[in-house]
Amino acid sequence: EDIFDSLLTLEQDLIDEGFEEGLASSETLAHEEGKNLGLQKGFEIGKEVGFFLGAASIWEDLLKTHPNDFPTRATKTLEGFQNMLSEFQFVAERADLFESLEKIRAKHKHLASQFHSTNTTRQPTEYF
């Protein structure tokens, strides 16, 4: 093999080497960015689900202490909401994660309207 043969492929060899290094670097960067985004979104979802659990706990206490101040269907709706929360599994690989979260949000909105639309003049915040 002639010494000059390696010079003929030198440019392509350097391009290929640079491509491989760039690919490896971008995969590392993309992995790191994905990890950070996952942590951020995971925290946001956890915070939201925690808020819903707290609201459910407060509404449960309100129903126990002032059962006549709220619609009778509020108890059943709250039980359904609590079941949804207890069955919610926060696993990133779940295909229906965001669909399930949307259903929980809708149920929360429905419950909030039931607890704010009472037959009395008192609002739920007035119980505290």
C-alpha atoms as a PDB file:
ATOM      1  CA  GLU A   1       0.000   0.000   0.000  1.00  0.00           C
ATOM      2  CA  ASP A   2       1.296   3.377  -0.966  1.00  0.00           C
ATOM      3  CA  ILE A   3       1.776   6.075   1.684  1.00  0.00           C
ATOM      4  CA  PHE A   4      -0.274   8.420  -0.442  1.00  0.00           C
ATOM      5  CA  ASP A   5      -3.313   6.110  -0.449  1.00  0.00           C
ATOM      6  CA  SER A   6      -4.051   7.037   3.191  1.00  0.00           C
ATOM      7  CA  LEU A   7      -3.969  10.723   2.219  1.00  0.00           C
ATOM      8  CA  LEU A   8      -6.717  10.136  -0.328  1.00  0.00           C
ATOM      9  CA  THR A   9      -9.118   8.908   2.386  1.00  0.00           C
ATOM     10  CA  LEU A  10      -7.863  11.211   5.160  1.00  0.00           C
ATOM     11  CA  GLU A  11     -10.581  13.832   4.666  1.00  0.00           C
ATOM     12  CA  GLN A  12     -13.405  11.278   4.716  1.00  0.00           C
ATOM     13  CA  ASP A  13     -11.846   9.495   7.706  1.00  0.00           C
ATOM     14  CA  LEU A  14     -11.758  12.800   9.648  1.00  0.00           C
ATOM     15  CA  ILE A  15     -15.352  13.599   8.654  1.00  0.00           C
ATOM     16  CA  ASP A  16     -16.474  10.146   9.821  1.00  0.00           C
ATOM     17  CA  GLU A  17     -14.570  10.483  13.099  1.00  0.00           C
ATOM     18  CA  GLY A  18     -16.037  13.945  13.737  1.00  0.00           C
ATOM     19  CA  PHE A  19     -19.527  12.658  12.979  1.00  0.00           C
ATOM     20  CA  GLU A  20     -19.162   9.789  15.466  1.00  0.00           C
ATOM     21  CA  GLU A  21     -17.845  12.139  18.179  1.00  0.00           C
ATOM     22  CA  GLY A  22     -20.676  14.612  17.519  1.00  0.00           C
ATOM     23  CA  LEU A  23     -23.256  11.853  17.631  1.00  0.00           C
ATOM     24  CA  ALA A  24     -21.935  10.541  20.950  1.00  0.00           C
ATOM     25  CA  SER A  25     -21.831  14.064  22.382  1.00  0.00           C
ATOM     26  CA  SER A  26     -25.396  14.865  21.271  1.00  0.00           C
ATOM     27  CA  GLU A  27     -26.704  11.591  22.713  1.00  0.00           C
ATOM     28  CA  THR A  28     -25.138  12.443  26.069  1.00  0.00           C
ATOM     29  CA  LEU A  29     -26.570  15.971  25.959  1.00  0.00           C
ATOM     30  CA  ALA A  30     -30.024  14.748  24.906  1.00  0.00           C
ATOM     31  CA  HIS A  31     -30.022  12.174  27.713  1.00  0.00           C
ATOM     32  CA  GLU A  32     -29.097  14.839  30.265  1.00  0.00           C
ATOM     33  CA  GLU A  33     -31.750  17.254  28.964  1.00  0.00           C
ATOM     34  CA  GLY A  34     -34.352  14.469  28.997  1.00  0.00           C
ATOM     35  CA  LYS A  35     -33.441  13.566  32.554  1.00  0.00           C
ATOM     36  CA  ASN A  36     -33.759  17.181  33.703  1.00  0.00           C
ATOM     37  CA  LEU A  37     -37.083  17.629  31.925  1.00  0.00           C
ATOM     38  CA  GLY A  38     -38.342  14.368  33.434  1.00  0.00           C
ATOM     39  CA  LEU A  39     -37.378  15.499  36.921  1.00  0.00           C
ATOM     40  CA  GLN A  40     -39.077  18.848  36.417  1.00  0.00           C
ATOM     41  CA  LYS A  41     -42.300  17.371  35.019  1.00  0.00           C
ATOM     42  CA  GLY A  42     -42.290  14.617  37.627  1.00  0.00           C
ATOM     43  CA  PHE A  43     -42.054  17.201  40.396  1.00  0.00           C
ATOM     44  CA  GLU A  44     -44.893  19.241  38.865  1.00  0.00           C
ATOM     45  CA  ILE A  45     -47.161  16.198  38.560  1.00  0.00           C
ATOM     46  CA  GLY A  46     -46.303  15.026  42.075  1.00  0.00           C
ATOM     47  CA  LYS A  47     -47.065  18.471  43.440  1.00  0.00           C
ATOM     48  CA  GLU A  48     -50.404  18.542  41.633  1.00  0.00           C
ATOM     49  CA  VAL A  49     -51.416  15.058  42.807  1.00  0.00           C
ATOM     50  CA  GLY A  50     -50.379  16.016  46.344  1.00  0.00           C
ATOM     51  CA  PHE A  51     -52.613  19.073  46.110  1.00  0.00           C
ATOM     52  CA  PHE A  52     -55.516  16.875  44.999  1.00  0.00           C
ATOM     53  CA  LEU A  53     -54.914  14.484  47.911  1.00  0.00           C
ATOM     54  CA  GLY A  54     -54.963  17.410  50.330  1.00  0.00           C
ATOM     55  CA  ALA A  55     -58.174  18.773  48.829  1.00  0.00           C
ATOM     56  CA  ALA A  56     -59.797  15.340  49.070  1.00  0.00           C
ATOM     57  CA  SER A  57     -58.815  15.106  52.720  1.00  0.00           C
ATOM     58  CA  ILE A  58     -60.286  18.513  53.501  1.00  0.00           C
ATOM     59  CA  TRP A  59     -63.495  17.759  51.612  1.00  0.00           C
ATOM     60  CA  GLU A  60     -63.810  14.444  53.419  1.00  0.00           C
ATOM     61  CA  ASP A  61     -63.523  16.238  56.762  1.00  0.00           C
ATOM     62  CA  LEU A  62     -66.090  18.829  55.665  1.00  0.00           C
ATOM     63  CA  LEU A  63     -68.537  16.099  54.695  1.00  0.00           C
ATOM     64  CA  LYS A  64     -68.088  14.427  58.083  1.00  0.00           C
ATOM     65  CA  THR A  65     -68.489  17.598  60.113  1.00  0.00           C
ATOM     66  CA  HIS A  66     -71.148  19.358  57.983  1.00  0.00           C
ATOM     67  CA  PRO A  67     -72.937  16.656  55.975  1.00  0.00           C
ATOM     68  CA  ASN A  68     -76.095  18.704  55.429  1.00  0.00           C
ATOM     69  CA  ASP A  69     -74.274  21.640  53.869  1.00  0.00           C
ATOM     70  CA  PHE A  70     -73.309  19.820  50.687  1.00  0.00           C
ATOM     71  CA  PRO A  71     -75.152  17.952  47.944  1.00  0.00           C
ATOM     72  CA  THR A  72     -75.693  14.266  48.690  1.00  0.00           C
ATOM     73  CA  ARG A  73     -73.895  13.303  45.465  1.00  0.00           C
ATOM     74  CA  ALA A  74     -70.728  14.992  46.773  1.00  0.00           C
ATOM     75  CA  THR A  75     -69.948  11.948  48.941  1.00  0.00           C
ATOM     76  CA  LYS A  76     -70.117   9.570  45.983  1.00  0.00           C
ATOM     77  CA  THR A  77     -68.150  11.927  43.750  1.00  0.00           C
ATOM     78  CA  LEU A  78     -65.500  12.322  46.437  1.00  0.00           C
ATOM     79  CA  GLU A  79     -65.192   8.555  46.850  1.00  0.00           C
ATOM     80  CA  GLY A  80     -64.676   8.217  43.088  1.00  0.00           C
ATOM     81  CA  PHE A  81     -62.062  10.961  43.193  1.00  0.00           C
ATOM     82  CA  GLN A  82     -60.211   9.305  46.069  1.00  0.00           C
ATOM     83  CA  ASN A  83     -60.265   5.976  44.196  1.00  0.00           C
ATOM     84  CA  MET A  84     -58.824   7.645  41.111  1.00  0.00           C
ATOM     85  CA  LEU A  85     -56.043   9.148  43.213  1.00  0.00           C
ATOM     86  CA  SER A  86     -55.237   5.896  44.997  1.00  0.00           C
ATOM     87  CA  GLU A  87     -55.097   4.007  41.696  1.00  0.00           C
ATOM     88  CA  PHE A  88     -52.967   6.647  39.970  1.00  0.00           C
ATOM     89  CA  GLN A  89     -49.535   5.217  39.263  1.00  0.00           C
ATOM     90  CA  PHE A  90     -46.856   7.711  38.419  1.00  0.00           C
ATOM     91  CA  VAL A  91     -44.760   5.638  36.032  1.00  0.00           C
ATOM     92  CA  ALA A  92     -43.132   7.397  33.089  1.00  0.00           C
ATOM     93  CA  GLU A  93     -43.617   4.411  30.785  1.00  0.00           C
ATOM     94  CA  ARG A  94     -47.411   4.536  31.189  1.00  0.00           C
ATOM     95  CA  ALA A  95     -48.998   5.336  27.859  1.00  0.00           C
ATOM     96  CA  ASP A  96     -52.107   6.800  29.518  1.00  0.00           C
ATOM     97  CA  LEU A  97     -50.364   8.833  32.230  1.00  0.00           C
ATOM     98  CA  PHE A  98     -51.530  12.224  30.997  1.00  0.00           C
ATOM     99  CA  GLU A  99     -54.977  10.931  30.053  1.00  0.00           C
ATOM    100  CA  SER A 100     -55.409   9.612  33.592  1.00  0.00           C
ATOM    101  CA  LEU A 101     -54.195  12.899  35.040  1.00  0.00           C
ATOM    102  CA  GLU A 102     -56.684  14.807  32.880  1.00  0.00           C
ATOM    103  CA  LYS A 103     -59.525  12.663  34.252  1.00  0.00           C
ATOM    104  CA  ILE A 104     -58.371  13.417  37.800  1.00  0.00           C
ATOM    105  CA  ARG A 105     -58.272  17.138  36.998  1.00  0.00           C
ATOM    106  CA  ALA A 106     -61.788  17.002  35.579  1.00  0.00           C
ATOM    107  CA  LYS A 107     -63.095  15.147  38.639  1.00  0.00           C
ATOM    108  CA  HIS A 108     -61.405  17.712  40.906  1.00  0.00           C
ATOM    109  CA  LYS A 109     -63.048  20.542  38.996  1.00  0.00           C
ATOM    110  CA  HIS A 110     -66.417  18.809  39.322  1.00  0.00           C
ATOM    111  CA  LEU A 111     -65.930  18.312  43.064  1.00  0.00           C
ATOM    112  CA  ALA A 112     -64.817  21.901  43.560  1.00  0.00           C
ATOM    113  CA  SER A 113     -68.054  23.088  41.988  1.00  0.00           C
ATOM    114  CA  GLN A 114     -70.069  20.794  44.268  1.00  0.00           C
ATOM    115  CA  PHE A 115     -68.372  22.083  47.379  1.00  0.00           C
ATOM    116  CA  HIS A 116     -68.699  25.715  46.372  1.00  0.00           C
ATOM    117  CA  SER A 117     -72.365  25.372  45.363  1.00  0.00           C
ATOM    118  CA  THR A 118     -73.959  24.635  48.713  1.00  0.00           C
ATOM    119  CA  ASN A 119     -77.507  25.107  49.905  1.00  0.00           C
ATOM    120  CA  THR A 120     -76.275  27.457  52.608  1.00  0.00           C
ATOM    121  CA  THR A 121     -74.638  30.848  52.386  1.00  0.00           C
ATOM    122  CA  ARG A 122     -71.402  29.552  53.873  1.00  0.00           C
ATOM    123  CA  GLN A 123     -68.465  28.866  51.578  1.00  0.00           C
ATOM    124  CA  PRO A 124     -66.060  25.977  52.326  1.00  0.00           C
ATOM    125  CA  THR A 125     -63.321  28.426  53.364  1.00  0.00           C
ATOM    126  CA  GLU A 126     -65.576  29.737  56.105  1.00  0.00           C
ATOM    127  CA  TYR A 127     -65.359  26.410  57.944  1.00  0.00           C
ATOM    128  CA  PHE A 128     -61.719  26.985  58.910  1.00  0.00           C
END
